[in-house]
C-alpha atoms as a PDB file:
ATOM      1  CA  MET A   1      13.711 -24.887  33.205  1.00  0.00           C
ATOM      2  CA  SER A   2      10.700 -26.152  35.196  1.00  0.00           C
ATOM      3  CA  ASP A   3      10.846 -23.025  37.349  1.00  0.00           C
ATOM      4  CA  PHE A   4      10.464 -20.814  34.327  1.00  0.00           C
ATOM      5  CA  ASP A   5       7.041 -19.575  33.266  1.00  0.00           C
ATOM      6  CA  TRP A   6       7.320 -18.684  29.621  1.00  0.00           C
ATOM      7  CA  GLY A   7       3.560 -18.276  29.504  1.00  0.00           C
ATOM      8  CA  ILE A   8       4.046 -14.897  31.152  1.00  0.00           C
ATOM      9  CA  ILE A   9       5.071 -13.590  27.741  1.00  0.00           C
ATOM     10  CA  ALA A  10       1.719 -14.520  26.210  1.00  0.00           C
ATOM     11  CA  ARG A  11      -0.237 -13.253  29.211  1.00  0.00           C
ATOM     12  CA  SER A  12       1.575  -9.915  29.085  1.00  0.00           C
ATOM     13  CA  SER A  13       1.638  -9.641  25.299  1.00  0.00           C
ATOM     14  CA  ALA A  14      -0.844  -6.759  25.111  1.00  0.00           C
ATOM     15  CA  PHE A  15       1.127  -4.637  27.573  1.00  0.00           C
ATOM     16  CA  LEU A  16       4.424  -5.512  25.888  1.00  0.00           C
ATOM     17  CA  ALA A  17       2.926  -4.679  22.497  1.00  0.00           C
ATOM     18  CA  GLU A  18       1.983  -1.228  23.774  1.00  0.00           C
ATOM     19  CA  GLY A  19       5.584  -0.706  24.818  1.00  0.00           C
ATOM     20  CA  MET A  20       6.861  -1.861  21.441  1.00  0.00           C
ATOM     21  CA  ALA A  21       4.367   0.435  19.701  1.00  0.00           C
ATOM     22  CA  LEU A  22       5.765   3.392  21.636  1.00  0.00           C
ATOM     23  CA  SER A  23       9.329   2.377  20.767  1.00  0.00           C
ATOM     24  CA  ALA A  24       8.360   2.093  17.098  1.00  0.00           C
ATOM     25  CA  LEU A  25       6.638   5.493  17.180  1.00  0.00           C
ATOM     26  CA  LEU A  26       9.711   7.122  18.691  1.00  0.00           C
ATOM     27  CA  VAL A  27      11.979   5.539  16.081  1.00  0.00           C
ATOM     28  CA  LEU A  28       9.685   6.555  13.213  1.00  0.00           C
ATOM     29  CA  VAL A  29       9.209  10.158  14.324  1.00  0.00           C
ATOM     30  CA  ALA A  30      12.865  10.595  15.309  1.00  0.00           C
ATOM     31  CA  THR A  31      14.032   9.212  11.963  1.00  0.00           C
ATOM     32  CA  VAL A  32      11.642  11.112   9.703  1.00  0.00           C
ATOM     33  CA  GLY A  33      11.735  14.343  11.685  1.00  0.00           C
ATOM     34  CA  GLY A  34      15.455  14.063  12.321  1.00  0.00           C
ATOM     35  CA  LEU A  35      16.196  13.512   8.633  1.00  0.00           C
ATOM     36  CA  ILE A  36      14.074  16.477   7.558  1.00  0.00           C
ATOM     37  CA  LEU A  37      15.608  18.827  10.112  1.00  0.00           C
ATOM     38  CA  GLY A  38      19.046  17.277   9.631  1.00  0.00           C
ATOM     39  CA  PHE A  39      18.830  17.880   5.878  1.00  0.00           C
ATOM     40  CA  GLY A  40      18.136  21.551   6.486  1.00  0.00           C
ATOM     41  CA  LEU A  41      20.980  21.776   8.974  1.00  0.00           C
ATOM     42  CA  ALA A  42      23.327  20.045   6.534  1.00  0.00           C
ATOM     43  CA  LEU A  43      22.538  22.570   3.806  1.00  0.00           C
ATOM     44  CA  MET A  44      23.159  25.365   6.305  1.00  0.00           C
ATOM     45  CA  ARG A  45      26.496  23.858   7.337  1.00  0.00           C
ATOM     46  CA  LEU A  46      27.548  23.535   3.701  1.00  0.00           C
ATOM     47  CA  SER A  47      26.546  27.121   2.941  1.00  0.00           C
ATOM     48  CA  SER A  48      29.248  29.682   2.208  1.00  0.00           C
ATOM     49  CA  HIS A  49      27.303  32.199   4.301  1.00  0.00           C
ATOM     50  CA  ARG A  50      28.579  32.236   7.872  1.00  0.00           C
ATOM     51  CA  TRP A  51      25.254  33.483   9.211  1.00  0.00           C
ATOM     52  CA  LEU A  52      23.871  30.105   8.126  1.00  0.00           C
ATOM     53  CA  SER A  53      26.814  27.776   8.690  1.00  0.00           C
ATOM     54  CA  VAL A  54      27.890  29.005  12.128  1.00  0.00           C
ATOM     55  CA  PRO A  55      24.502  28.610  13.911  1.00  0.00           C
ATOM     56  CA  ALA A  56      24.002  25.181  12.330  1.00  0.00           C
ATOM     57  CA  SER A  57      27.503  24.070  13.283  1.00  0.00           C
ATOM     58  CA  THR A  58      27.003  25.314  16.839  1.00  0.00           C
ATOM     59  CA  TYR A  59      23.682  23.498  17.161  1.00  0.00           C
ATOM     60  CA  VAL A  60      25.125  20.230  15.877  1.00  0.00           C
ATOM     61  CA  THR A  61      28.182  20.459  18.111  1.00  0.00           C
ATOM     62  CA  VAL A  62      26.139  21.182  21.232  1.00  0.00           C
ATOM     63  CA  MET A  63      23.600  18.426  20.600  1.00  0.00           C
ATOM     64  CA  ARG A  64      26.260  15.837  19.802  1.00  0.00           C
ATOM     65  CA  THR A  65      28.069  16.538  23.073  1.00  0.00           C
ATOM     66  CA  LEU A  66      24.966  16.255  25.274  1.00  0.00           C
ATOM     67  CA  PRO A  67      23.533  12.973  26.582  1.00  0.00           C
ATOM     68  CA  LEU A  68      20.035  12.274  25.286  1.00  0.00           C
ATOM     69  CA  VAL A  69      18.704  11.749  28.792  1.00  0.00           C
ATOM     70  CA  LEU A  70      19.608  15.363  29.624  1.00  0.00           C
ATOM     71  CA  VAL A  71      17.782  16.625  26.530  1.00  0.00           C
ATOM     72  CA  LEU A  72      14.739  14.599  27.579  1.00  0.00           C
ATOM     73  CA  PHE A  73      14.820  16.219  30.999  1.00  0.00           C
ATOM     74  CA  TRP A  74      15.132  19.673  29.447  1.00  0.00           C
ATOM     75  CA  PHE A  75      12.054  19.265  27.293  1.00  0.00           C
ATOM     76  CA  TYR A  76      10.052  17.596  30.027  1.00  0.00           C
ATOM     77  CA  PHE A  77      10.763  20.189  32.722  1.00  0.00           C
ATOM     78  CA  LEU A  78      11.915  23.404  31.038  1.00  0.00           C
ATOM     79  CA  VAL A  79       9.659  23.685  27.977  1.00  0.00           C
ATOM     80  CA  PRO A  80       6.441  23.791  30.084  1.00  0.00           C
ATOM     81  CA  LEU A  81       8.030  26.552  32.167  1.00  0.00           C
ATOM     82  CA  ALA A  82       8.981  28.489  29.039  1.00  0.00           C
ATOM     83  CA  ILE A  83       5.548  28.324  27.386  1.00  0.00           C
ATOM     84  CA  GLY A  84       3.504  28.423  30.574  1.00  0.00           C
ATOM     85  CA  ARG A  85       1.552  25.208  30.104  1.00  0.00           C
ATOM     86  CA  PRO A  86       2.189  21.454  30.349  1.00  0.00           C
ATOM     87  CA  VAL A  87       3.422  19.659  27.265  1.00  0.00           C
ATOM     88  CA  GLY A  88       3.094  16.000  28.214  1.00  0.00           C
ATOM     89  CA  SER A  89       5.565  13.160  28.390  1.00  0.00           C
ATOM     90  CA  LEU A  90       5.020  11.843  24.873  1.00  0.00           C
ATOM     91  CA  THR A  91       5.233  15.232  23.180  1.00  0.00           C
ATOM     92  CA  SER A  92       8.350  16.087  25.183  1.00  0.00           C
ATOM     93  CA  ALA A  93       9.992  12.803  24.215  1.00  0.00           C
ATOM     94  CA  LEU A  94       9.122  13.151  20.530  1.00  0.00           C
ATOM     95  CA  LEU A  95      10.476  16.701  20.370  1.00  0.00           C
ATOM     96  CA  ALA A  96      13.634  15.743  22.237  1.00  0.00           C
ATOM     97  CA  PHE A  97      14.300  12.763  19.972  1.00  0.00           C
ATOM     98  CA  VAL A  98      13.744  14.735  16.757  1.00  0.00           C
ATOM     99  CA  LEU A  99      15.926  17.676  17.777  1.00  0.00           C
ATOM    100  CA  PHE A 100      18.622  15.416  19.200  1.00  0.00           C
ATOM    101  CA  GLU A 101      18.786  13.001  16.274  1.00  0.00           C
ATOM    102  CA  ALA A 102      18.724  15.855  13.755  1.00  0.00           C
ATOM    103  CA  ALA A 103      22.290  16.704  14.769  1.00  0.00           C
ATOM    104  CA  PHE A 104      23.466  13.188  13.904  1.00  0.00           C
ATOM    105  CA  TYR A 105      21.466  12.942  10.687  1.00  0.00           C
ATOM    106  CA  CYS A 106      22.862  16.347   9.715  1.00  0.00           C
ATOM    107  CA  GLU A 107      26.385  14.946   9.731  1.00  0.00           C
ATOM    108  CA  ILE A 108      25.290  11.883   7.766  1.00  0.00           C
ATOM    109  CA  VAL A 109      23.622  14.034   5.105  1.00  0.00           C
ATOM    110  CA  ARG A 110      26.518  16.500   5.010  1.00  0.00           C
ATOM    111  CA  ALA A 111      29.027  13.690   4.532  1.00  0.00           C
ATOM    112  CA  GLY A 112      26.905  12.142   1.793  1.00  0.00           C
ATOM    113  CA  ILE A 113      26.602  15.397  -0.125  1.00  0.00           C
ATOM    114  CA  SER A 114      30.279  16.249   0.339  1.00  0.00           C
ATOM    115  CA  ASN A 115      31.331  12.874  -1.072  1.00  0.00           C
ATOM    116  CA  VAL A 116      29.689  13.591  -4.428  1.00  0.00           C
ATOM    117  CA  ARG A 117      32.329  14.854  -6.816  1.00  0.00           C
ATOM    118  CA  HIS A 118      32.198  18.615  -7.208  1.00  0.00           C
ATOM    119  CA  GLY A 119      32.644  18.329 -10.953  1.00  0.00           C
ATOM    120  CA  GLN A 120      29.193  16.812 -11.284  1.00  0.00           C
ATOM    121  CA  SER A 121      27.635  19.953  -9.827  1.00  0.00           C
ATOM    122  CA  ASP A 122      29.585  22.086 -12.279  1.00  0.00           C
ATOM    123  CA  ALA A 123      28.489  19.873 -15.157  1.00  0.00           C
ATOM    124  CA  GLY A 124      24.864  20.175 -14.100  1.00  0.00           C
ATOM    125  CA  LEU A 125      25.105  23.959 -13.873  1.00  0.00           C
ATOM    126  CA  ALA A 126      26.776  24.048 -17.283  1.00  0.00           C
ATOM    127  CA  THR A 127      23.743  22.345 -18.837  1.00  0.00           C
ATOM    128  CA  GLY A 128      21.503  25.141 -17.593  1.00  0.00           C
ATOM    129  CA  LEU A 129      20.124  23.510 -14.452  1.00  0.00           C
ATOM    130  CA  ARG A 130      19.536  25.692 -11.424  1.00  0.00           C
ATOM    131  CA  ARG A 131      21.374  24.892  -8.183  1.00  0.00           C
ATOM    132  CA  ALA A 132      18.213  23.485  -6.619  1.00  0.00           C
ATOM    133  CA  GLN A 133      17.736  21.203  -9.631  1.00  0.00           C
ATOM    134  CA  VAL A 134      21.361  20.082  -9.484  1.00  0.00           C
ATOM    135  CA  LEU A 135      20.915  19.218  -5.817  1.00  0.00           C
ATOM    136  CA  ARG A 136      17.657  17.343  -6.402  1.00  0.00           C
ATOM    137  CA  LEU A 137      18.462  15.569  -9.660  1.00  0.00           C
ATOM    138  CA  ILE A 138      22.207  14.923  -9.489  1.00  0.00           C
ATOM    139  CA  ILE A 139      23.640  15.216  -5.984  1.00  0.00           C
ATOM    140  CA  LEU A 140      20.934  13.826  -3.706  1.00  0.00           C
ATOM    141  CA  PRO A 141      20.309  10.537  -5.586  1.00  0.00           C
ATOM    142  CA  GLN A 142      24.015   9.694  -5.328  1.00  0.00           C
ATOM    143  CA  ALA A 143      24.351  10.985  -1.777  1.00  0.00           C
ATOM    144  CA  LEU A 144      21.334   8.983  -0.622  1.00  0.00           C
ATOM    145  CA  ARG A 145      22.872   5.721  -1.792  1.00  0.00           C
ATOM    146  CA  ALA A 146      26.006   6.471   0.213  1.00  0.00           C
ATOM    147  CA  MET A 147      24.029   7.639   3.243  1.00  0.00           C
ATOM    148  CA  MET A 148      21.638   4.695   3.504  1.00  0.00           C
ATOM    149  CA  PRO A 149      23.938   2.339   5.480  1.00  0.00           C
ATOM    150  CA  LEU A 150      24.696   5.119   7.960  1.00  0.00           C
ATOM    151  CA  ILE A 151      21.004   5.958   8.259  1.00  0.00           C
ATOM    152  CA  LEU A 152      20.190   2.319   9.018  1.00  0.00           C
ATOM    153  CA  ASN A 153      22.916   2.181  11.654  1.00  0.00           C
ATOM    154  CA  GLN A 154      21.583   5.372  13.221  1.00  0.00           C
ATOM    155  CA  ILE A 155      18.098   3.838  13.344  1.00  0.00           C
ATOM    156  CA  VAL A 156      19.569   1.023  15.437  1.00  0.00           C
ATOM    157  CA  ILE A 157      20.994   3.591  17.849  1.00  0.00           C
ATOM    158  CA  VAL A 158      17.650   5.401  18.029  1.00  0.00           C
ATOM    159  CA  PHE A 159      15.855   2.150  18.835  1.00  0.00           C
ATOM    160  CA  GLN A 160      18.312   1.424  21.617  1.00  0.00           C
ATOM    161  CA  ASP A 161      17.901   4.974  22.939  1.00  0.00           C
ATOM    162  CA  THR A 162      14.125   4.599  23.266  1.00  0.00           C
ATOM    163  CA  SER A 163      14.759   2.802  26.557  1.00  0.00           C
ATOM    164  CA  LEU A 164      15.656   6.191  28.066  1.00  0.00           C
ATOM    165  CA  VAL A 165      12.079   7.486  27.976  1.00  0.00           C
ATOM    166  CA  TYR A 166      11.418   5.853  31.328  1.00  0.00           C
ATOM    167  CA  VAL A 167      12.873   9.038  32.860  1.00  0.00           C
ATOM    168  CA  VAL A 168       9.767  10.928  31.687  1.00  0.00           C
ATOM    169  CA  SER A 169       7.399   8.165  32.853  1.00  0.00           C
ATOM    170  CA  LEU A 170       6.826   6.553  29.458  1.00  0.00           C
ATOM    171  CA  HIS A 171       6.699   2.803  28.945  1.00  0.00           C
ATOM    172  CA  ASP A 172       8.747   1.709  25.962  1.00  0.00           C
ATOM    173  CA  PHE A 173       9.316  -1.979  25.241  1.00  0.00           C
ATOM    174  CA  LEU A 174      12.154  -2.409  27.743  1.00  0.00           C
ATOM    175  CA  THR A 175      10.320  -0.484  30.452  1.00  0.00           C
ATOM    176  CA  ALA A 176       7.155  -2.509  29.864  1.00  0.00           C
ATOM    177  CA  ALA A 177       9.152  -5.721  30.232  1.00  0.00           C
ATOM    178  CA  SER A 178      10.735  -4.375  33.425  1.00  0.00           C
ATOM    179  CA  VAL A 179       7.301  -3.596  34.857  1.00  0.00           C
ATOM    180  CA  VAL A 180       6.113  -7.148  34.175  1.00  0.00           C
ATOM    181  CA  ALA A 181       9.344  -8.574  35.601  1.00  0.00           C
ATOM    182  CA  SER A 182       8.923  -6.618  38.839  1.00  0.00           C
ATOM    183  CA  ARG A 183       5.192  -7.191  39.130  1.00  0.00           C
ATOM    184  CA  ASP A 184       5.211 -10.934  38.524  1.00  0.00           C
ATOM    185  CA  GLY A 185       8.732 -11.805  39.638  1.00  0.00           C
ATOM    186  CA  ARG A 186       9.664 -13.093  36.182  1.00  0.00           C
ATOM    187  CA  ALA A 187      12.833 -11.167  35.430  1.00  0.00           C
ATOM    188  CA  THR A 188      14.560 -14.068  33.652  1.00  0.00           C
ATOM    189  CA  GLU A 189      11.744 -14.603  31.183  1.00  0.00           C
ATOM    190  CA  MET A 190      11.194 -10.914  30.497  1.00  0.00           C
ATOM    191  CA  TYR A 191      14.816  -9.929  30.049  1.00  0.00           C
ATOM    192  CA  ALA A 192      15.467 -12.997  27.913  1.00  0.00           C
ATOM    193  CA  LEU A 193      12.623 -11.842  25.664  1.00  0.00           C
ATOM    194  CA  VAL A 194      14.014  -8.310  25.568  1.00  0.00           C
ATOM    195  CA  ALA A 195      17.467  -9.616  24.654  1.00  0.00           C
ATOM    196  CA  VAL A 196      16.079 -11.706  21.793  1.00  0.00           C
ATOM    197  CA  VAL A 197      13.930  -8.872  20.431  1.00  0.00           C
ATOM    198  CA  TYR A 198      16.757  -6.344  20.591  1.00  0.00           C
ATOM    199  CA  LEU A 199      19.161  -8.845  19.018  1.00  0.00           C
ATOM    200  CA  VAL A 200      16.819  -9.620  16.128  1.00  0.00           C
ATOM    201  CA  ILE A 201      15.964  -5.987  15.385  1.00  0.00           C
ATOM    202  CA  CYS A 202      19.420  -4.488  15.859  1.00  0.00           C
ATOM    203  CA  LEU A 203      21.381  -7.302  14.248  1.00  0.00           C
ATOM    204  CA  GLY A 204      18.908  -7.544  11.373  1.00  0.00           C
ATOM    205  CA  THR A 205      19.101  -3.819  10.649  1.00  0.00           C
ATOM    206  CA  THR A 206      22.892  -3.801  10.949  1.00  0.00           C
ATOM    207  CA  LYS A 207      23.201  -6.730   8.549  1.00  0.00           C
ATOM    208  CA  ALA A 208      20.869  -4.949   6.124  1.00  0.00           C
ATOM    209  CA  ALA A 209      23.163  -1.920   6.266  1.00  0.00           C
ATOM    210  CA  GLU A 210      26.217  -4.107   5.601  1.00  0.00           C
ATOM    211  CA  PHE A 211      24.468  -5.857   2.709  1.00  0.00           C
ATOM    212  CA  TYR A 212      23.486  -2.515   1.205  1.00  0.00           C
ATOM    213  CA  ARG A 213      27.020  -1.156   1.638  1.00  0.00           C
ATOM    214  CA  LYS A 214      28.524  -4.153  -0.174  1.00  0.00           C
ATOM    215  CA  GLY A 215      26.213  -3.478  -3.101  1.00  0.00           C
ATOM    216  CA  LEU A 216      27.457   0.079  -3.540  1.00  0.00           C
ATOM    217  CA  PRO A 217      29.913   0.744  -6.370  1.00  0.00           C
ATOM    218  CA  SER A 218      33.457   1.204  -5.102  1.00  0.00           C
END
């Protein structure tokens, strides 16, 4: 242990914090944006109109079969060519994460809505509520409770996926730690820190999802 320099963590804390801030930003934007877009896609997939359900289903299927790193490359290299001006690494990454995660959140939302008993919708309509009111007041509150554990688990996956942004020259937490490890020759200390941070965040979120799931009525 005498060969270890754990002080490197404190000396590099500002740089590591910048990486963690980027990881947190990606998770936040991907989750919020992905849920909003995923909700719209879920409603389209559940629609009885094929001109809505088919495009949404195709989008979700395509995105779920592609690796995220490929989507990142697409937005980083192809979008600037399509619009005729540079977009930037951060903007490309944020767009890629939102559009990619929307496909997964779509399936979570769709499953949550589908699990609500159809009779409750009929009962709401029978009382004079409009379909939008039934969705907002009856279906979504119940669906959200069922969806929350899956949303938390997906957040864990998004956090783990933030390490892929190195391909577009962004420094997330893992990349920042790798830079310090290479620069100062302190790979053991840096990757031990990364392992602990990932373990705490991912395990903590997963346990929160399990705790929430156990509290749901059977």
